[in-house]
Protein backbone atom coordinates (compact mmCIF):
# COMPACT_ATOMS: atom_id res chain seq x y z
CA MET A 1 -67.79 -8.81 -19.82
CA GLU A 2 -65.42 -10.35 -17.41
CA LYS A 3 -65.53 -8.31 -14.03
CA PRO A 4 -61.87 -6.91 -12.98
CA LYS A 5 -59.37 -9.50 -12.63
CA PHE A 6 -58.58 -7.46 -8.38
CA ARG A 7 -59.80 -6.98 -5.67
CA ILE A 8 -59.28 -2.98 -5.26
CA MET A 9 -58.13 -2.17 -2.33
CA GLU A 10 -58.83 1.44 -0.93
CA ASN A 11 -56.88 1.51 2.37
CA LEU A 12 -53.44 1.44 0.95
CA THR A 13 -51.28 4.41 0.94
CA ARG A 14 -48.26 5.09 -2.02
CA GLN A 15 -45.54 4.09 0.50
CA ASP A 16 -47.09 0.69 0.21
CA TYR A 17 -45.84 0.50 -3.20
CA LEU A 18 -42.40 1.89 -3.08
CA GLY A 19 -39.42 -0.41 -3.27
CA ARG A 20 -35.56 -0.03 -2.21
CA PRO A 21 -33.82 2.94 -2.49
CA SER A 22 -31.96 3.38 -6.12
CA THR A 23 -28.17 2.69 -6.60
CA LEU A 24 -28.37 4.17 -10.29
CA CYS A 25 -26.80 7.41 -11.13
CA LYS A 26 -28.94 10.51 -10.30
CA GLY A 27 -31.36 11.77 -13.19
CA CYS A 28 -31.23 8.11 -14.74
CA GLY A 29 -34.33 7.69 -16.80
CA HIS A 30 -35.01 4.71 -15.13
CA ASN A 31 -35.76 6.23 -12.02
CA SER A 32 -38.44 8.16 -13.39
CA ILE A 33 -39.96 4.97 -14.85
CA SER A 34 -39.75 2.99 -11.79
CA ASN A 35 -41.65 5.96 -9.99
CA MET A 36 -44.23 5.79 -12.75
CA ILE A 37 -44.74 1.91 -12.51
CA ILE A 38 -45.08 3.08 -8.20
CA SER A 39 -47.66 5.90 -9.08
CA ALA A 40 -49.98 3.26 -11.85
CA CYS A 41 -50.18 0.46 -9.72
CA TYR A 42 -51.21 2.74 -6.25
CA GLU A 43 -54.03 4.81 -8.26
CA LEU A 44 -55.25 1.29 -9.76
CA GLY A 45 -55.47 0.13 -6.17
CA ILE A 46 -54.33 -3.47 -6.81
CA PRO A 47 -52.72 -4.67 -3.95
CA PRO A 48 -48.85 -4.76 -3.98
CA GLU A 49 -48.52 -8.70 -3.51
CA LYS A 50 -50.79 -9.40 -6.83
CA PHE A 51 -47.93 -8.29 -8.98
CA VAL A 52 -44.94 -10.49 -9.61
CA LYS A 53 -41.69 -8.84 -11.15
CA PHE A 54 -39.15 -10.21 -13.47
CA SER A 55 -35.61 -9.06 -14.80
CA GLY A 56 -32.95 -9.94 -17.04
CA ILE A 57 -29.25 -8.25 -16.43
CA GLY A 58 -28.28 -4.45 -16.72
CA CYS A 59 -29.13 -1.12 -15.15
CA SER A 60 -32.90 -1.61 -16.21
CA SER A 61 -33.00 -4.92 -14.84
CA LYS A 62 -32.04 -3.54 -11.28
CA SER A 63 -34.53 -1.32 -11.16
CA ALA A 64 -36.89 -3.85 -10.70
CA ALA A 65 -35.64 -3.76 -6.90
CA TYR A 66 -37.15 0.01 -6.98
CA PHE A 67 -40.91 -0.61 -6.71
CA LEU A 68 -43.38 -2.62 -5.22
CA LYS A 69 -40.71 -4.21 -2.52
CA LYS A 70 -43.85 -6.22 -1.23
CA SER A 71 -44.41 -8.06 -4.33
CA PHE A 72 -42.39 -11.44 -5.27
CA GLY A 73 -39.35 -10.82 -7.97
CA PHE A 74 -36.92 -12.99 -9.84
CA ASN A 75 -33.68 -11.66 -11.45
CA GLY A 76 -32.81 -13.98 -14.19
CA LEU A 77 -29.95 -14.41 -17.22
CA HIS A 78 -29.32 -11.83 -19.61
CA GLY A 79 -31.76 -11.91 -21.86
CA ARG A 80 -33.87 -15.06 -20.50
CA MET A 81 -36.66 -12.94 -18.42
CA PRO A 82 -39.43 -13.74 -20.94
CA SER A 83 -39.12 -17.45 -20.37
CA ILE A 84 -39.11 -17.31 -16.70
CA ALA A 85 -41.82 -14.99 -16.65
CA GLU A 86 -44.03 -17.26 -18.56
CA GLY A 87 -43.24 -20.28 -16.35
CA ALA A 88 -43.95 -18.23 -13.33
CA LEU A 89 -47.30 -16.99 -14.73
CA PHE A 90 -48.54 -20.29 -16.05
CA ALA A 91 -47.67 -21.42 -12.40
CA ASP A 92 -50.22 -18.81 -10.92
CA THR A 93 -52.36 -17.46 -13.32
CA SER A 94 -53.99 -15.33 -10.69
CA LEU A 95 -50.96 -13.12 -10.79
CA LYS A 96 -50.18 -9.97 -13.16
CA GLY A 97 -46.64 -9.78 -14.37
CA ILE A 98 -44.46 -6.96 -14.60
CA GLY A 99 -40.97 -7.50 -16.86
CA ILE A 100 -38.20 -4.99 -16.79
CA SER A 101 -35.70 -4.99 -19.15
CA GLY A 102 -33.17 -3.35 -20.86
CA ASP A 103 -32.37 -2.70 -24.94
CA GLY A 104 -29.39 -4.94 -24.65
CA ASP A 105 -31.37 -7.24 -22.74
CA THR A 106 -34.29 -7.14 -24.94
CA ALA A 107 -33.04 -6.39 -28.47
CA ASN A 108 -29.56 -8.03 -28.70
CA ILE A 109 -29.17 -11.23 -26.33
CA GLY A 110 -32.55 -11.72 -25.68
CA LEU A 111 -34.38 -10.89 -28.86
CA SER A 112 -35.58 -14.42 -29.67
CA GLN A 113 -37.59 -14.66 -26.52
CA PHE A 114 -38.51 -11.26 -26.73
CA LYS A 115 -40.14 -12.35 -29.93
CA HIS A 116 -41.62 -15.65 -28.58
CA ILE A 117 -43.39 -14.06 -25.46
CA ALA A 118 -45.20 -11.42 -27.81
CA ARG A 119 -46.53 -14.04 -30.07
CA ARG A 120 -47.49 -16.31 -27.78
CA ASN A 121 -49.48 -13.27 -26.16
CA VAL A 122 -48.51 -14.25 -22.40
CA PRO A 123 -50.21 -11.78 -20.14
CA LEU A 124 -47.15 -9.44 -18.95
CA VAL A 125 -46.33 -5.95 -18.54
CA TYR A 126 -43.01 -6.02 -20.66
CA ILE A 127 -41.08 -2.50 -19.85
CA VAL A 128 -38.09 -1.81 -22.16
CA GLU A 129 -35.55 1.02 -20.68
CA ASN A 130 -33.92 1.79 -24.04
CA ASN A 131 -31.07 4.15 -23.56
CA GLY A 132 -28.81 2.59 -26.63
CA VAL A 133 -25.86 1.21 -24.40
CA TYR A 134 -24.95 -1.19 -21.94
CA GLY A 135 -24.48 1.28 -18.95
CA LEU A 136 -23.52 -1.36 -16.50
CA THR A 137 -20.27 -2.48 -18.73
CA LYS A 138 -19.27 1.32 -19.33
CA GLY A 139 -21.36 2.70 -22.19
CA GLN A 140 -21.05 -0.08 -25.08
CA PHE A 141 -23.33 0.41 -28.28
CA SER A 142 -26.61 -1.49 -27.95
CA ALA A 143 -28.63 -2.96 -30.94
CA THR A 144 -30.97 -0.01 -30.67
CA ALA A 145 -28.39 2.79 -30.89
CA GLU A 146 -28.51 4.76 -34.09
CA LYS A 147 -26.06 4.63 -37.12
CA GLY A 148 -23.13 6.97 -36.93
CA LEU A 149 -23.91 7.64 -33.16
CA LYS A 150 -20.25 8.45 -31.79
CA LEU A 151 -19.16 7.63 -27.71
CA LYS A 152 -16.06 8.61 -26.22
CA ARG A 153 -14.84 5.01 -25.60
CA GLN A 154 -16.47 3.34 -28.68
CA GLY A 155 -15.55 5.33 -31.58
CA GLU A 156 -18.70 5.17 -34.21
CA ASN A 157 -21.39 3.25 -34.55
CA PRO A 158 -21.53 1.42 -38.06
CA TYR A 159 -24.68 -0.67 -37.58
CA LEU A 160 -28.55 0.19 -38.18
CA PRO A 161 -30.69 0.10 -35.13
CA VAL A 162 -33.33 -2.50 -33.83
CA ASP A 163 -36.73 -0.81 -33.58
CA ILE A 164 -38.29 -2.55 -30.47
CA ALA A 165 -41.87 -1.01 -31.51
CA MET A 166 -41.65 -2.64 -35.15
CA GLU A 167 -40.22 -5.76 -33.97
CA ALA A 168 -43.25 -6.08 -31.42
CA LEU A 169 -45.82 -5.28 -34.02
CA ALA A 170 -44.35 -8.20 -36.66
CA ALA A 171 -44.30 -10.67 -33.55
CA ASN A 172 -48.03 -9.78 -33.95
CA ALA A 173 -48.21 -8.35 -30.50
CA SER A 174 -51.60 -7.44 -28.90
CA PHE A 175 -50.59 -4.13 -27.18
CA VAL A 176 -47.50 -2.17 -28.66
CA ALA A 177 -46.50 1.40 -27.05
CA ARG A 178 -43.42 3.72 -27.10
CA SER A 179 -42.82 6.58 -24.44
CA PHE A 180 -40.19 9.08 -23.61
CA ALA A 181 -38.96 8.67 -19.52
CA GLY A 182 -39.36 12.68 -19.65
CA ASP A 183 -43.01 12.83 -19.83
CA PRO A 184 -43.97 11.09 -16.77
CA LYS A 185 -47.67 11.37 -17.22
CA GLN A 186 -48.02 9.62 -20.44
CA VAL A 187 -45.85 6.50 -19.18
CA LYS A 188 -47.93 6.53 -15.89
CA GLU A 189 -50.96 6.06 -18.11
CA LEU A 190 -49.62 3.81 -20.82
CA ILE A 191 -48.53 1.61 -17.50
CA LYS A 192 -52.31 1.57 -16.46
CA ALA A 193 -53.40 0.59 -20.01
CA ALA A 194 -50.86 -2.33 -20.05
CA ILE A 195 -51.71 -3.51 -16.50
CA SER A 196 -55.32 -4.15 -17.93
CA HIS A 197 -54.64 -6.13 -20.97
CA ASP A 198 -55.20 -9.43 -20.64
CA GLY A 199 -51.98 -10.41 -23.08
CA THR A 200 -48.29 -9.27 -23.58
CA ALA A 201 -48.36 -5.12 -23.31
CA ILE A 202 -45.01 -4.13 -24.46
CA ILE A 203 -43.91 -0.59 -23.95
CA ASP A 204 -40.44 1.08 -25.44
CA ILE A 205 -39.55 3.66 -23.39
CA VAL A 206 -36.62 5.87 -24.30
CA SER A 207 -34.99 6.13 -20.85
CA PRO A 208 -31.54 8.12 -21.05
CA CYS A 209 -28.28 7.17 -20.07
CA VAL A 210 -26.79 10.70 -18.13
CA THR A 211 -23.55 9.08 -17.80
CA PHE A 212 -22.70 7.11 -21.35
CA ASN A 213 -25.27 8.54 -23.74
CA ASN A 214 -26.60 11.99 -23.01
CA GLN A 215 -25.14 14.20 -26.08
CA ASP A 216 -27.52 16.58 -27.29
CA TYR A 217 -27.42 14.73 -30.80
CA SER A 218 -28.14 11.22 -29.23
CA LEU A 219 -31.72 9.89 -30.18
CA HIS A 220 -31.37 8.34 -26.75
CA SER A 221 -31.22 11.91 -24.89
CA TYR A 222 -33.22 14.12 -23.14
CA SER A 223 -32.04 16.98 -25.06
CA TRP A 224 -33.29 15.36 -28.00
CA GLY A 225 -36.18 13.76 -26.98
CA LYS A 226 -37.54 16.78 -25.41
CA GLY A 227 -36.98 18.25 -28.97
CA HIS A 228 -38.64 15.47 -31.20
CA GLU A 229 -41.11 13.81 -28.94
CA ALA A 230 -44.35 13.81 -31.27
CA PRO A 231 -47.16 12.76 -29.15
CA LEU A 232 -50.17 10.44 -31.18
CA HIS A 233 -52.59 11.62 -28.53
CA GLU A 234 -53.57 12.74 -25.29
CA LEU A 235 -54.11 9.42 -23.36
CA GLU A 236 -56.20 8.54 -20.24
CA PHE A 237 -56.99 5.35 -18.55
CA ILE A 238 -60.35 4.80 -17.11
CA PRO A 239 -60.57 1.63 -14.63
CA PRO A 240 -64.09 -0.46 -14.84
CA ARG A 241 -66.88 1.45 -13.67
CA ASP A 242 -70.52 0.73 -13.78
CA GLU A 243 -71.12 3.82 -16.38
CA ILE A 244 -68.96 5.46 -18.44
CA THR A 245 -69.71 8.92 -19.86
CA ILE A 246 -67.97 10.66 -22.08
CA ASP A 247 -70.86 13.57 -22.58
CA ASP A 248 -68.72 16.36 -21.64
CA PHE A 249 -66.16 16.36 -24.55
CA GLU A 250 -66.95 17.55 -28.33
CA ARG A 251 -68.16 15.04 -30.72
CA GLY A 252 -65.32 13.84 -32.86
CA THR A 253 -62.88 14.69 -30.69
CA LEU A 254 -62.51 11.06 -28.65
CA ARG A 255 -61.81 7.65 -29.62
CA GLU A 256 -61.91 5.07 -26.49
CA VAL A 257 -60.86 1.45 -26.76
CA THR A 258 -62.94 -0.97 -24.24
CA MET A 259 -60.32 -3.78 -22.84
CA HIS A 260 -61.60 -7.14 -21.31
CA ASP A 261 -62.35 -5.91 -18.05
CA GLY A 262 -64.63 -3.29 -18.61
CA SER A 263 -61.86 -0.58 -18.64
CA VAL A 264 -61.27 2.27 -21.38
CA ILE A 265 -58.37 3.70 -22.94
CA LEU A 266 -59.56 7.16 -23.90
CA PHE A 267 -57.58 9.05 -26.74
CA LYS A 268 -58.05 12.67 -27.18
CA LYS A 269 -56.90 13.48 -30.95
CA LEU A 270 -54.12 16.14 -31.21
CA GLU A 271 -53.16 16.91 -34.87
CA ARG A 272 -53.18 13.56 -36.59
CA ASP A 273 -56.42 10.80 -36.82
CA TYR A 274 -54.64 7.78 -36.22
CA ASP A 275 -56.73 4.52 -35.38
CA PRO A 276 -54.26 2.65 -32.54
CA THR A 277 -56.51 -1.04 -33.66
CA ASN A 278 -55.06 -0.72 -36.89
CA ARG A 279 -51.86 -2.54 -37.06
CA THR A 280 -51.41 -1.77 -40.68
CA GLU A 281 -51.25 1.83 -40.08
CA ALA A 282 -49.39 1.22 -36.57
CA ILE A 283 -46.48 -0.03 -39.06
CA ARG A 284 -47.02 2.64 -42.06
CA LEU A 285 -46.66 5.20 -38.91
CA LEU A 286 -43.37 3.74 -37.67
CA GLU A 287 -41.90 3.57 -40.79
CA GLU A 288 -42.49 7.54 -41.44
CA ALA A 289 -41.33 8.24 -37.90
CA ILE A 290 -38.14 6.29 -38.97
CA ARG A 291 -37.64 8.48 -42.19
CA ARG A 292 -38.51 11.72 -40.36
CA ASN A 293 -36.13 11.15 -37.37
CA TRP A 294 -39.47 11.71 -35.25
CA LEU A 295 -39.70 10.07 -31.58
CA ILE A 296 -43.76 9.15 -31.89
CA THR A 297 -44.98 8.28 -28.53
CA GLY A 298 -48.19 7.05 -27.42
CA LEU A 299 -50.11 3.73 -27.84
CA LEU A 300 -49.39 2.55 -31.31
CA TYR A 301 -51.49 -0.31 -31.37
CA VAL A 302 -53.86 -2.69 -29.25
CA ASP A 303 -56.29 -5.55 -29.81
CA PRO A 304 -57.91 -6.20 -26.53
CA ASN A 305 -59.76 -9.70 -28.21
CA THR A 306 -56.61 -11.57 -29.20
CA PRO A 307 -57.06 -14.47 -27.03
CA ASN A 308 -53.96 -15.01 -24.40
CA ILE A 309 -52.08 -18.37 -23.81
CA TYR A 310 -53.93 -19.05 -20.80
CA LYS A 311 -57.15 -19.55 -22.78
CA MET A 312 -54.92 -21.19 -25.58
CA TYR A 313 -54.44 -24.00 -23.30
CA SER A 314 -57.61 -23.80 -20.94
CA MET A 315 -55.92 -22.98 -18.09
CA GLY A 316 -57.90 -22.69 -14.97
CA LYS A 317 -58.20 -19.98 -12.18
CA GLU A 318 -56.68 -22.57 -9.23
CA PRO A 319 -53.00 -21.73 -9.54
CA LEU A 320 -50.81 -24.98 -10.56
CA ASN A 321 -48.54 -24.45 -7.64
CA ARG A 322 -51.84 -24.45 -5.50
CA LEU A 323 -53.36 -27.92 -6.67
CA PRO A 324 -53.76 -30.88 -4.29
CA PRO A 325 -52.05 -34.11 -5.23
CA GLU A 326 -55.42 -35.72 -6.02
CA LYS A 327 -55.88 -33.19 -8.90
CA ILE A 328 -52.11 -33.87 -10.17
CA ARG A 329 -51.38 -37.02 -10.01
CA PRO A 330 -53.39 -39.66 -12.58
CA ASP A 331 -55.31 -42.65 -11.21
CA LYS A 332 -53.84 -46.22 -12.01
CA ASP A 333 -56.73 -46.62 -14.60
CA THR A 334 -55.82 -43.41 -16.21
CA LEU A 335 -52.05 -44.29 -16.24
CA LYS A 336 -52.64 -47.85 -17.88
CA ASN A 337 -54.45 -46.21 -20.86
CA ILE A 338 -51.94 -43.87 -21.18
CA ASN A 339 -49.18 -46.74 -20.86
CA ARG A 340 -51.37 -49.12 -23.56
CA SER A 341 -51.45 -45.83 -25.89
CA PHE A 342 -47.72 -46.22 -26.75
CA ARG A 343 -47.74 -49.95 -27.98
């Protein structure tokens, strides 16, 4: 089993993981998510400079500035965050990427890139801050808005919504979760697990827009989320340890999934017996949630054994952007053989 990828730092404080002050609306769910990213990274003890941040365009993509100010970040074009992240992470495989996107940035203009990064299994924590509207451009419906939703300036939405978690499963993503910004503990534990995952980890987080989409009946509001959230399990992330024991718990009440680095995701069963490693069951559950109007939250699916894109291309541990010229420039004989092959 591989050793932890990062050097754990014990002398860091939570202040080292903060970002700039938020300019989003007071009460925005995105701010809660930023705070949980800060808490998750701090509790894992990974140096901030070992993370690199990516985002596209939108209210959600602004929030990348509100955490890990010591980490390098790149704000790209609308819907193009995944390709920028893939290129940067190829250049330096020693970094852990965090991509922040929104429902418009992912499910509208960026849907194709979202699907491709999921199927390629690029090691990236991909967080979708999902509020069902384009908040930055004054509240137009996004692709995740429910059919029949009425907004003051936009009328009634005539289209069926895109389910981001379902799209991720269809693209064969190796880690798919859904959460609610009003449940910060669950958000934090899912982010910890996603950071440990050695592939694309997609977390669709319903994040209410308090300005344009917070009616009581809206599926992206705080009141609806609080009233309809149906957690699959109580979830706890356990970092790599020399020994992990669960003797204190009753037999049959827990399920654990060991990740590539020796960390463990521990599930405590609530009302339903659910296997997060069963992709077919995850799809069936999401279909049931759509029919029953449930907000199913938790880790829907994980496969810690799917090879990531680095392994597919036999990427070395030394970052490409730090290789000396003699390692990246072919010698004369090699060039001659390459040219000869084209004749």
